[in-house]
Amino acid sequence: MHIRLMQVELYFSEAQSLKQKRTYLRRIESQLRKSENIAISETGHNDKIKSAQLSIITIASAAAAADSVIENVRNFFQSQNYILTGERVEAL
C-alpha cells in the first residue's frame, strides 16, 4: 500500500463570510471526489474567512498510481485558478 497526503493552503479573495468560504470548499470537495479516489477534509484555518487548509489523502497499490492522483489534484487547483498559498505532499 502506498499512501500520499497532500496539504494545500488556499486563499479566497472574494469570500465575505465563513458561510461563503464553506460554499467554495464544498464545491472543491465535491469536484475532487467525483474525479479522484481521495478523502478530503478542511484541517486548518477554520475560523479565518479568506483562507483554508485542506488535507487530501489517497491510497493505492502502486506508488505511481498514488503519485498520479496527487498530480491530478494539483492540476485541478491550477486549472480552476484557485490561489494556492502553500502545498505539501508526504509519502506515508
N, C-alpha and C. Protein backbone atom coordinates (compact mmCIF):
# COMPACT_ATOMS: atom_id res chain seq x y z
N MET A 1 0.83 -1.19 0.00
CA MET A 1 0.00 0.00 0.00
C MET A 1 0.87 1.26 0.00
N HIS A 2 0.48 2.19 -0.82
CA HIS A 2 1.19 3.46 -0.91
C HIS A 2 0.20 4.58 -0.58
N ILE A 3 0.55 5.38 0.40
CA ILE A 3 -0.32 6.44 0.88
C ILE A 3 0.35 7.78 0.61
N ARG A 4 -0.44 8.70 0.09
CA ARG A 4 0.05 10.07 -0.14
C ARG A 4 -0.89 11.04 0.56
N LEU A 5 -0.30 11.96 1.32
CA LEU A 5 -1.03 13.02 1.99
C LEU A 5 -0.61 14.34 1.37
N MET A 6 -1.59 15.09 0.91
CA MET A 6 -1.33 16.41 0.34
C MET A 6 -2.07 17.44 1.19
N GLN A 7 -1.36 18.46 1.62
CA GLN A 7 -1.99 19.56 2.33
C GLN A 7 -1.82 20.82 1.49
N VAL A 8 -2.93 21.50 1.26
CA VAL A 8 -2.88 22.73 0.48
C VAL A 8 -3.48 23.86 1.31
N GLU A 9 -2.92 25.02 1.14
CA GLU A 9 -3.43 26.24 1.76
C GLU A 9 -4.00 27.10 0.64
N LEU A 10 -5.23 27.54 0.81
CA LEU A 10 -5.93 28.31 -0.21
C LEU A 10 -6.28 29.68 0.32
N TYR A 11 -6.35 30.63 -0.60
CA TYR A 11 -6.78 31.99 -0.27
C TYR A 11 -7.97 32.32 -1.15
N PHE A 12 -9.07 32.76 -0.53
CA PHE A 12 -10.29 33.13 -1.23
C PHE A 12 -10.48 34.64 -1.13
N SER A 13 -10.06 35.36 -2.13
CA SER A 13 -10.10 36.82 -2.08
C SER A 13 -11.53 37.36 -2.07
N GLU A 14 -12.48 36.61 -2.64
CA GLU A 14 -13.85 37.11 -2.73
C GLU A 14 -14.73 36.71 -1.56
N ALA A 15 -14.24 35.86 -0.67
CA ALA A 15 -15.06 35.40 0.46
C ALA A 15 -15.34 36.55 1.41
N GLN A 16 -16.60 36.74 1.74
CA GLN A 16 -17.02 37.80 2.65
C GLN A 16 -17.49 37.25 4.00
N SER A 17 -17.65 35.92 4.09
CA SER A 17 -18.11 35.31 5.33
C SER A 17 -17.62 33.86 5.37
N LEU A 18 -17.68 33.28 6.57
CA LEU A 18 -17.32 31.87 6.69
C LEU A 18 -18.27 30.99 5.89
N LYS A 19 -19.53 31.39 5.84
CA LYS A 19 -20.52 30.63 5.07
C LYS A 19 -20.14 30.61 3.59
N GLN A 20 -19.72 31.72 3.06
CA GLN A 20 -19.32 31.79 1.66
C GLN A 20 -18.05 30.96 1.42
N LYS A 21 -17.10 31.02 2.35
CA LYS A 21 -15.89 30.21 2.23
C LYS A 21 -16.24 28.73 2.22
N ARG A 22 -17.14 28.32 3.10
CA ARG A 22 -17.53 26.91 3.17
C ARG A 22 -18.23 26.47 1.88
N THR A 23 -18.96 27.39 1.24
CA THR A 23 -19.58 27.08 -0.04
C THR A 23 -18.50 26.77 -1.07
N TYR A 24 -17.46 27.57 -1.12
CA TYR A 24 -16.35 27.32 -2.04
C TYR A 24 -15.70 25.96 -1.73
N LEU A 25 -15.49 25.68 -0.44
CA LEU A 25 -14.85 24.43 -0.06
C LEU A 25 -15.69 23.22 -0.41
N ARG A 26 -17.00 23.30 -0.20
CA ARG A 26 -17.89 22.19 -0.56
C ARG A 26 -17.82 21.91 -2.06
N ARG A 27 -17.76 22.96 -2.86
CA ARG A 27 -17.66 22.80 -4.31
C ARG A 27 -16.35 22.10 -4.68
N ILE A 28 -15.26 22.54 -4.08
CA ILE A 28 -13.95 21.92 -4.34
C ILE A 28 -13.99 20.44 -3.95
N GLU A 29 -14.49 20.15 -2.74
CA GLU A 29 -14.54 18.78 -2.26
C GLU A 29 -15.37 17.90 -3.18
N SER A 30 -16.51 18.39 -3.59
CA SER A 30 -17.40 17.63 -4.47
C SER A 30 -16.74 17.33 -5.81
N GLN A 31 -16.14 18.33 -6.41
CA GLN A 31 -15.50 18.14 -7.71
C GLN A 31 -14.33 17.16 -7.63
N LEU A 32 -13.53 17.26 -6.59
CA LEU A 32 -12.39 16.36 -6.46
C LEU A 32 -12.83 14.93 -6.17
N ARG A 33 -13.84 14.75 -5.33
CA ARG A 33 -14.31 13.40 -5.02
C ARG A 33 -14.91 12.72 -6.25
N LYS A 34 -15.53 13.50 -7.12
CA LYS A 34 -16.09 12.92 -8.35
C LYS A 34 -15.00 12.41 -9.28
N SER A 35 -13.88 13.11 -9.33
CA SER A 35 -12.87 12.78 -10.33
C SER A 35 -11.73 11.90 -9.80
N GLU A 36 -11.52 11.88 -8.50
CA GLU A 36 -10.37 11.14 -7.95
C GLU A 36 -10.80 10.30 -6.75
N ASN A 37 -10.06 9.23 -6.51
CA ASN A 37 -10.30 8.37 -5.36
C ASN A 37 -9.53 8.92 -4.17
N ILE A 38 -10.16 9.85 -3.44
CA ILE A 38 -9.49 10.55 -2.35
C ILE A 38 -10.43 10.70 -1.16
N ALA A 39 -9.83 11.02 -0.03
CA ALA A 39 -10.55 11.54 1.12
C ALA A 39 -10.05 12.97 1.30
N ILE A 40 -10.95 13.88 1.62
CA ILE A 40 -10.58 15.30 1.73
C ILE A 40 -11.30 15.93 2.91
N SER A 41 -10.60 16.81 3.61
CA SER A 41 -11.20 17.47 4.76
C SER A 41 -10.52 18.82 4.99
N GLU A 42 -11.30 19.76 5.53
CA GLU A 42 -10.73 21.04 5.95
C GLU A 42 -10.04 20.80 7.29
N THR A 43 -8.75 21.08 7.35
CA THR A 43 -7.99 20.74 8.55
C THR A 43 -7.31 21.93 9.22
N GLY A 44 -7.52 23.12 8.69
CA GLY A 44 -6.90 24.28 9.30
C GLY A 44 -7.55 25.56 8.85
N HIS A 45 -7.29 26.62 9.57
CA HIS A 45 -7.82 27.95 9.29
C HIS A 45 -9.36 27.96 9.29
N ASN A 46 -9.95 27.16 10.16
CA ASN A 46 -11.41 27.02 10.17
C ASN A 46 -12.13 28.33 10.44
N ASP A 47 -11.55 29.20 11.23
CA ASP A 47 -12.23 30.44 11.60
C ASP A 47 -11.74 31.66 10.83
N LYS A 48 -10.93 31.44 9.83
CA LYS A 48 -10.45 32.55 9.00
C LYS A 48 -11.30 32.62 7.74
N ILE A 49 -11.79 33.80 7.44
CA ILE A 49 -12.73 33.97 6.32
C ILE A 49 -12.05 33.74 4.98
N LYS A 50 -10.87 34.22 4.79
CA LYS A 50 -10.26 34.22 3.45
C LYS A 50 -9.27 33.09 3.21
N SER A 51 -8.99 32.26 4.20
CA SER A 51 -8.02 31.19 3.98
C SER A 51 -8.54 29.86 4.50
N ALA A 52 -8.00 28.80 3.92
CA ALA A 52 -8.39 27.45 4.32
C ALA A 52 -7.21 26.51 4.11
N GLN A 53 -7.18 25.46 4.91
CA GLN A 53 -6.22 24.39 4.70
C GLN A 53 -7.02 23.12 4.46
N LEU A 54 -6.70 22.44 3.37
CA LEU A 54 -7.33 21.17 3.04
C LEU A 54 -6.29 20.07 3.10
N SER A 55 -6.69 18.92 3.65
CA SER A 55 -5.84 17.74 3.63
C SER A 55 -6.51 16.71 2.73
N ILE A 56 -5.73 16.16 1.83
CA ILE A 56 -6.22 15.22 0.83
C ILE A 56 -5.35 13.98 0.94
N ILE A 57 -5.99 12.82 1.03
CA ILE A 57 -5.23 11.58 1.15
C ILE A 57 -5.72 10.58 0.11
N THR A 58 -4.78 9.81 -0.42
CA THR A 58 -5.12 8.75 -1.35
C THR A 58 -4.30 7.52 -1.01
N ILE A 59 -4.87 6.36 -1.28
CA ILE A 59 -4.20 5.08 -1.05
C ILE A 59 -4.26 4.30 -2.35
N ALA A 60 -3.13 3.74 -2.75
CA ALA A 60 -3.08 2.96 -3.99
C ALA A 60 -2.12 1.79 -3.81
N SER A 61 -2.28 0.79 -4.65
CA SER A 61 -1.41 -0.39 -4.56
C SER A 61 -0.02 -0.12 -5.15
N ALA A 62 0.08 0.88 -6.03
CA ALA A 62 1.37 1.22 -6.64
C ALA A 62 1.70 2.69 -6.35
N ALA A 63 2.96 2.95 -6.13
CA ALA A 63 3.39 4.33 -5.85
C ALA A 63 3.06 5.25 -7.00
N ALA A 64 3.23 4.78 -8.23
CA ALA A 64 2.95 5.61 -9.40
C ALA A 64 1.48 6.02 -9.46
N ALA A 65 0.60 5.12 -9.06
CA ALA A 65 -0.83 5.44 -9.07
C ALA A 65 -1.15 6.50 -8.02
N ALA A 66 -0.57 6.39 -6.83
CA ALA A 66 -0.80 7.39 -5.78
C ALA A 66 -0.24 8.74 -6.21
N ASP A 67 0.94 8.73 -6.81
CA ASP A 67 1.54 9.98 -7.28
C ASP A 67 0.71 10.62 -8.38
N SER A 68 0.13 9.80 -9.23
CA SER A 68 -0.72 10.30 -10.32
C SER A 68 -1.95 11.01 -9.78
N VAL A 69 -2.56 10.44 -8.75
CA VAL A 69 -3.73 11.08 -8.14
C VAL A 69 -3.35 12.44 -7.58
N ILE A 70 -2.24 12.51 -6.88
CA ILE A 70 -1.78 13.78 -6.30
C ILE A 70 -1.51 14.80 -7.41
N GLU A 71 -0.90 14.36 -8.49
CA GLU A 71 -0.64 15.27 -9.62
C GLU A 71 -1.95 15.76 -10.23
N ASN A 72 -2.95 14.89 -10.33
CA ASN A 72 -4.26 15.29 -10.85
C ASN A 72 -4.92 16.33 -9.94
N VAL A 73 -4.77 16.16 -8.63
CA VAL A 73 -5.32 17.14 -7.69
C VAL A 73 -4.61 18.48 -7.85
N ARG A 74 -3.30 18.44 -7.96
CA ARG A 74 -2.52 19.67 -8.18
C ARG A 74 -2.98 20.37 -9.47
N ASN A 75 -3.16 19.61 -10.53
CA ASN A 75 -3.62 20.18 -11.80
C ASN A 75 -5.02 20.76 -11.68
N PHE A 76 -5.88 20.14 -10.87
CA PHE A 76 -7.22 20.66 -10.64
C PHE A 76 -7.15 22.07 -10.06
N PHE A 77 -6.35 22.25 -9.03
CA PHE A 77 -6.25 23.57 -8.40
C PHE A 77 -5.70 24.60 -9.38
N GLN A 78 -4.74 24.22 -10.17
CA GLN A 78 -4.17 25.16 -11.14
C GLN A 78 -5.17 25.50 -12.24
N SER A 79 -5.93 24.53 -12.70
CA SER A 79 -6.88 24.78 -13.79
C SER A 79 -8.07 25.61 -13.34
N GLN A 80 -8.39 25.59 -12.07
CA GLN A 80 -9.53 26.34 -11.55
C GLN A 80 -9.13 27.74 -11.09
N ASN A 81 -7.87 28.08 -11.22
CA ASN A 81 -7.36 29.39 -10.82
C ASN A 81 -7.57 29.70 -9.34
N TYR A 82 -7.48 28.67 -8.50
CA TYR A 82 -7.51 28.91 -7.06
C TYR A 82 -6.15 29.46 -6.65
N ILE A 83 -6.14 30.30 -5.64
CA ILE A 83 -4.89 30.88 -5.16
C ILE A 83 -4.31 29.96 -4.10
N LEU A 84 -3.26 29.23 -4.46
CA LEU A 84 -2.58 28.35 -3.51
C LEU A 84 -1.48 29.15 -2.81
N THR A 85 -1.54 29.19 -1.50
CA THR A 85 -0.50 29.88 -0.74
C THR A 85 0.48 28.91 -0.12
N GLY A 86 0.18 27.61 -0.22
CA GLY A 86 1.09 26.60 0.30
C GLY A 86 0.66 25.22 -0.15
N GLU A 87 1.64 24.34 -0.25
CA GLU A 87 1.37 22.96 -0.65
C GLU A 87 2.46 22.07 -0.08
N ARG A 88 2.04 20.90 0.41
CA ARG A 88 3.00 19.93 0.95
C ARG A 88 2.48 18.53 0.64
N VAL A 89 3.35 17.67 0.18
CA VAL A 89 2.99 16.28 -0.11
C VAL A 89 3.92 15.37 0.69
N GLU A 90 3.33 14.36 1.34
CA GLU A 90 4.10 13.39 2.10
C GLU A 90 3.76 11.99 1.64
N ALA A 91 4.75 11.14 1.57
CA ALA A 91 4.53 9.71 1.37
C ALA A 91 4.51 9.07 2.75
N LEU A 92 3.44 8.39 3.07
CA LEU A 92 3.31 7.79 4.40
C LEU A 92 3.46 6.27 4.34
